[in-house]
């Protein structure tokens, strides 16, 4: 039998400085096409407006006689968890 030792370590959650802070995209539920990847410099509101415009363009231009009327909007926030102290060697992936 193997014994393990566990202890509580404070963790900090914050935006990941190495990633874009947020991304807003739309996905067509009918065919799974996605709106283009937004520019990192765009505000969240601007990204949402661009994704919404893509939905109407996708329905009207890409499938003018079709049934591509349902979309899912996704906002992704990228975070980083950092322990407050050294917790030992990096875990194997």
N, C-alpha and C. Protein backbone atom coordinates (compact mmCIF):
# COMPACT_ATOMS: atom_id res chain seq x y z
N UNK A 1 0.84 -1.17 0.00
CA UNK A 1 0.00 0.00 0.00
C UNK A 1 0.89 1.24 0.00
N UNK A 2 0.54 2.18 -0.85
CA UNK A 2 1.30 3.42 -0.98
C UNK A 2 0.60 4.53 -0.22
N UNK A 3 1.37 5.29 0.51
CA UNK A 3 0.80 6.42 1.23
C UNK A 3 1.14 7.71 0.50
N UNK A 4 0.19 8.60 0.46
CA UNK A 4 0.39 9.90 -0.16
C UNK A 4 0.25 10.99 0.88
N UNK A 5 1.03 12.02 0.73
CA UNK A 5 0.93 13.18 1.61
C UNK A 5 0.33 14.32 0.81
N UNK A 6 -0.68 14.95 1.35
CA UNK A 6 -1.33 16.07 0.69
C UNK A 6 -1.29 17.28 1.62
N UNK A 7 -1.20 18.45 1.01
CA UNK A 7 -1.28 19.66 1.80
C UNK A 7 -1.97 20.73 0.96
N UNK A 8 -2.53 21.70 1.64
CA UNK A 8 -3.22 22.79 0.97
C UNK A 8 -2.20 23.84 0.53
N UNK A 9 -2.31 24.29 -0.71
CA UNK A 9 -1.45 25.34 -1.24
C UNK A 9 -2.36 26.40 -1.85
N UNK A 10 -2.17 27.65 -1.46
CA UNK A 10 -2.94 28.74 -2.06
C UNK A 10 -2.63 28.83 -3.54
N UNK A 11 -3.67 29.11 -4.32
CA UNK A 11 -3.51 29.27 -5.76
C UNK A 11 -4.08 30.61 -6.17
N UNK A 12 -3.49 31.20 -7.21
CA UNK A 12 -3.96 32.46 -7.74
C UNK A 12 -4.47 32.22 -9.16
N UNK A 13 -5.64 32.74 -9.48
CA UNK A 13 -6.23 32.64 -10.81
C UNK A 13 -6.25 34.03 -11.42
N UNK A 14 -5.66 34.15 -12.64
CA UNK A 14 -5.63 35.45 -13.30
C UNK A 14 -5.60 35.23 -14.81
N UNK A 15 -5.81 36.28 -15.60
CA UNK A 15 -5.72 36.12 -17.05
C UNK A 15 -4.33 35.62 -17.45
N UNK A 16 -4.29 34.75 -18.45
CA UNK A 16 -3.02 34.22 -18.94
C UNK A 16 -2.30 35.29 -19.76
N UNK A 17 -1.13 35.75 -19.31
CA UNK A 17 -0.44 36.83 -20.03
C UNK A 17 0.12 36.39 -21.38
N UNK A 18 0.21 35.09 -21.63
CA UNK A 18 0.76 34.60 -22.89
C UNK A 18 -0.31 34.28 -23.92
N UNK A 19 -1.58 34.54 -23.61
CA UNK A 19 -2.68 34.23 -24.52
C UNK A 19 -3.55 35.46 -24.73
N UNK A 20 -4.36 35.43 -25.77
CA UNK A 20 -5.35 36.49 -25.96
C UNK A 20 -6.30 36.42 -24.78
N UNK A 21 -6.68 37.57 -24.21
CA UNK A 21 -7.52 37.53 -23.00
C UNK A 21 -8.92 36.96 -23.23
N UNK A 22 -9.45 37.10 -24.44
CA UNK A 22 -10.79 36.59 -24.73
C UNK A 22 -10.93 36.41 -26.24
N UNK A 23 -11.87 35.53 -26.60
CA UNK A 23 -12.20 35.29 -28.00
C UNK A 23 -13.70 35.06 -28.07
N UNK A 24 -14.37 35.75 -29.01
CA UNK A 24 -15.80 35.56 -29.22
C UNK A 24 -15.98 35.01 -30.64
N UNK A 25 -16.64 33.84 -30.74
CA UNK A 25 -16.87 33.22 -32.05
C UNK A 25 -18.28 32.68 -32.12
N UNK A 26 -18.74 32.45 -33.33
CA UNK A 26 -20.04 31.85 -33.57
C UNK A 26 -19.84 30.55 -34.34
N UNK A 27 -20.71 29.58 -34.08
CA UNK A 27 -20.67 28.30 -34.77
C UNK A 27 -22.05 28.00 -35.31
N UNK A 28 -22.13 27.62 -36.59
CA UNK A 28 -23.40 27.20 -37.18
C UNK A 28 -23.74 25.82 -36.64
N UNK A 29 -24.91 25.69 -36.03
CA UNK A 29 -25.33 24.41 -35.45
C UNK A 29 -25.62 23.39 -36.55
N UNK A 30 -26.02 23.85 -37.73
CA UNK A 30 -26.38 22.96 -38.84
C UNK A 30 -25.16 22.28 -39.46
N UNK A 31 -24.10 23.08 -39.74
CA UNK A 31 -22.96 22.52 -40.47
C UNK A 31 -21.63 22.60 -39.71
N UNK A 32 -21.61 23.23 -38.55
CA UNK A 32 -20.43 23.36 -37.69
C UNK A 32 -19.37 24.33 -38.23
N UNK A 33 -19.69 25.11 -39.28
CA UNK A 33 -18.76 26.16 -39.71
C UNK A 33 -18.63 27.18 -38.58
N UNK A 34 -17.46 27.83 -38.50
CA UNK A 34 -17.22 28.83 -37.46
C UNK A 34 -16.88 30.18 -38.06
N UNK A 35 -17.24 31.22 -37.32
CA UNK A 35 -16.84 32.56 -37.72
C UNK A 35 -15.32 32.65 -37.68
N UNK A 36 -14.74 33.58 -38.43
CA UNK A 36 -13.28 33.71 -38.44
C UNK A 36 -12.71 34.04 -37.07
N UNK A 37 -11.47 33.63 -36.87
CA UNK A 37 -10.76 33.95 -35.62
C UNK A 37 -10.63 35.48 -35.54
N UNK A 38 -11.06 36.08 -34.42
CA UNK A 38 -10.99 37.54 -34.32
C UNK A 38 -9.55 38.03 -34.10
N UNK A 39 -9.35 39.30 -34.37
CA UNK A 39 -8.07 39.94 -34.12
C UNK A 39 -7.91 40.16 -32.61
N UNK A 40 -6.73 39.89 -32.04
CA UNK A 40 -6.53 40.07 -30.60
C UNK A 40 -6.76 41.51 -30.14
N UNK A 41 -6.57 42.48 -31.02
CA UNK A 41 -6.72 43.88 -30.63
C UNK A 41 -8.18 44.33 -30.56
N UNK A 42 -9.10 43.53 -31.07
CA UNK A 42 -10.52 43.89 -31.07
C UNK A 42 -11.10 43.79 -29.66
N UNK A 43 -12.01 44.69 -29.35
CA UNK A 43 -12.71 44.61 -28.06
C UNK A 43 -13.69 43.44 -28.09
N UNK A 44 -14.16 43.05 -26.92
CA UNK A 44 -15.11 41.94 -26.84
C UNK A 44 -16.39 42.29 -27.59
N UNK A 45 -16.85 43.53 -27.47
CA UNK A 45 -18.07 43.97 -28.17
C UNK A 45 -17.87 43.91 -29.68
N UNK A 46 -16.72 44.34 -30.14
CA UNK A 46 -16.42 44.30 -31.58
C UNK A 46 -16.37 42.86 -32.09
N UNK A 47 -15.77 41.97 -31.30
CA UNK A 47 -15.71 40.55 -31.69
C UNK A 47 -17.11 39.96 -31.76
N UNK A 48 -17.98 40.32 -30.80
CA UNK A 48 -19.34 39.80 -30.78
C UNK A 48 -20.12 40.32 -32.00
N UNK A 49 -19.95 41.59 -32.32
CA UNK A 49 -20.63 42.16 -33.49
C UNK A 49 -20.18 41.47 -34.77
N UNK A 50 -18.88 41.22 -34.88
CA UNK A 50 -18.35 40.54 -36.07
C UNK A 50 -18.90 39.11 -36.17
N UNK A 51 -18.98 38.40 -35.05
CA UNK A 51 -19.52 37.04 -35.05
C UNK A 51 -21.00 37.04 -35.45
N UNK A 52 -21.76 38.02 -34.95
CA UNK A 52 -23.18 38.11 -35.29
C UNK A 52 -23.37 38.41 -36.78
N UNK A 53 -22.54 39.28 -37.32
CA UNK A 53 -22.63 39.58 -38.75
C UNK A 53 -22.29 38.35 -39.58
N UNK A 54 -21.33 37.57 -39.10
CA UNK A 54 -20.97 36.34 -39.81
C UNK A 54 -22.18 35.40 -39.86
N UNK A 55 -22.94 35.32 -38.78
CA UNK A 55 -24.12 34.44 -38.75
C UNK A 55 -25.11 34.81 -39.84
N UNK A 56 -25.43 36.09 -39.96
CA UNK A 56 -26.41 36.51 -40.97
C UNK A 56 -25.84 36.33 -42.38
N UNK A 57 -24.55 36.59 -42.56
CA UNK A 57 -23.93 36.38 -43.87
C UNK A 57 -23.91 34.90 -44.22
N UNK A 58 -23.60 34.07 -43.26
CA UNK A 58 -23.56 32.61 -43.49
C UNK A 58 -24.93 32.10 -43.90
N UNK A 59 -25.96 32.56 -43.23
CA UNK A 59 -27.33 32.12 -43.55
C UNK A 59 -27.78 32.66 -44.90
N UNK A 60 -27.47 33.92 -45.19
CA UNK A 60 -27.98 34.55 -46.40
C UNK A 60 -27.14 34.28 -47.65
N UNK A 61 -25.83 34.38 -47.54
CA UNK A 61 -24.98 34.24 -48.72
C UNK A 61 -24.49 32.82 -48.95
N UNK A 62 -24.01 32.18 -47.88
CA UNK A 62 -23.44 30.83 -48.05
C UNK A 62 -24.53 29.78 -48.30
N UNK A 63 -25.70 30.00 -47.74
CA UNK A 63 -26.81 29.04 -47.87
C UNK A 63 -28.11 29.80 -48.11
N UNK A 64 -28.25 30.49 -49.26
CA UNK A 64 -29.40 31.36 -49.48
C UNK A 64 -30.75 30.63 -49.47
N UNK A 65 -30.80 29.38 -49.88
CA UNK A 65 -32.07 28.66 -49.87
C UNK A 65 -32.12 27.64 -48.74
N UNK A 66 -31.14 27.72 -47.86
CA UNK A 66 -30.95 26.67 -46.87
C UNK A 66 -31.63 26.89 -45.55
N UNK A 67 -31.23 26.08 -44.62
CA UNK A 67 -31.83 26.07 -43.29
C UNK A 67 -30.77 26.27 -42.21
N UNK A 68 -29.85 27.15 -42.46
CA UNK A 68 -28.78 27.43 -41.50
C UNK A 68 -29.20 28.63 -40.65
N UNK A 69 -30.13 28.39 -39.73
CA UNK A 69 -30.71 29.46 -38.93
C UNK A 69 -30.30 29.41 -37.46
N UNK A 70 -29.65 28.34 -37.01
CA UNK A 70 -29.31 28.20 -35.59
C UNK A 70 -27.79 28.31 -35.40
N UNK A 71 -27.40 29.13 -34.40
CA UNK A 71 -25.99 29.40 -34.14
C UNK A 71 -25.71 29.36 -32.64
N UNK A 72 -24.50 29.03 -32.31
CA UNK A 72 -24.06 29.05 -30.92
C UNK A 72 -22.94 30.07 -30.81
N UNK A 73 -23.07 30.99 -29.86
CA UNK A 73 -22.01 31.95 -29.59
C UNK A 73 -21.16 31.47 -28.44
N UNK A 74 -19.85 31.58 -28.58
CA UNK A 74 -18.94 31.12 -27.54
C UNK A 74 -17.93 32.22 -27.21
N UNK A 75 -17.83 32.52 -25.92
CA UNK A 75 -16.81 33.43 -25.45
C UNK A 75 -15.80 32.62 -24.64
N UNK A 76 -14.54 32.70 -25.02
CA UNK A 76 -13.49 31.95 -24.34
C UNK A 76 -12.60 32.93 -23.59
N UNK A 77 -12.44 32.70 -22.30
CA UNK A 77 -11.53 33.47 -21.47
C UNK A 77 -10.37 32.56 -21.11
N UNK A 78 -9.16 33.03 -21.27
CA UNK A 78 -7.98 32.19 -20.98
C UNK A 78 -7.36 32.63 -19.66
N UNK A 79 -7.24 31.66 -18.74
CA UNK A 79 -6.75 31.93 -17.40
C UNK A 79 -5.50 31.12 -17.10
N UNK A 80 -4.78 31.55 -16.09
CA UNK A 80 -3.58 30.86 -15.63
C UNK A 80 -3.69 30.69 -14.12
N UNK A 81 -3.47 29.47 -13.64
CA UNK A 81 -3.45 29.20 -12.20
C UNK A 81 -1.99 29.11 -11.77
N UNK A 82 -1.64 29.86 -10.74
CA UNK A 82 -0.27 29.89 -10.24
C UNK A 82 -0.27 29.57 -8.75
N UNK A 83 0.49 28.53 -8.32
CA UNK A 83 0.58 28.26 -6.89
C UNK A 83 1.36 29.37 -6.18
N UNK A 84 0.99 29.64 -4.94
CA UNK A 84 1.65 30.69 -4.16
C UNK A 84 3.05 30.28 -3.70
N UNK A 85 3.37 29.01 -3.79
CA UNK A 85 4.69 28.52 -3.39
C UNK A 85 5.08 27.36 -4.28
N UNK A 86 6.32 26.96 -4.23
CA UNK A 86 6.81 25.83 -5.03
C UNK A 86 6.10 24.56 -4.58
N UNK A 87 5.54 23.82 -5.54
CA UNK A 87 4.83 22.59 -5.18
C UNK A 87 5.54 21.34 -5.70
N UNK A 88 6.80 21.50 -6.08
CA UNK A 88 7.57 20.34 -6.49
C UNK A 88 7.72 20.24 -7.99
N UNK A 89 8.17 19.09 -8.48
CA UNK A 89 8.45 18.94 -9.90
C UNK A 89 7.17 19.03 -10.74
N UNK A 90 7.36 19.45 -11.97
CA UNK A 90 6.22 19.57 -12.90
C UNK A 90 5.65 18.19 -13.17
N UNK A 91 4.32 18.09 -13.19
CA UNK A 91 3.65 16.82 -13.43
C UNK A 91 3.82 16.40 -14.88
N UNK A 92 3.92 15.11 -15.11
CA UNK A 92 4.04 14.59 -16.47
C UNK A 92 2.69 14.72 -17.15
N UNK A 93 2.72 15.10 -18.41
CA UNK A 93 1.48 15.29 -19.19
C UNK A 93 1.01 13.99 -19.77
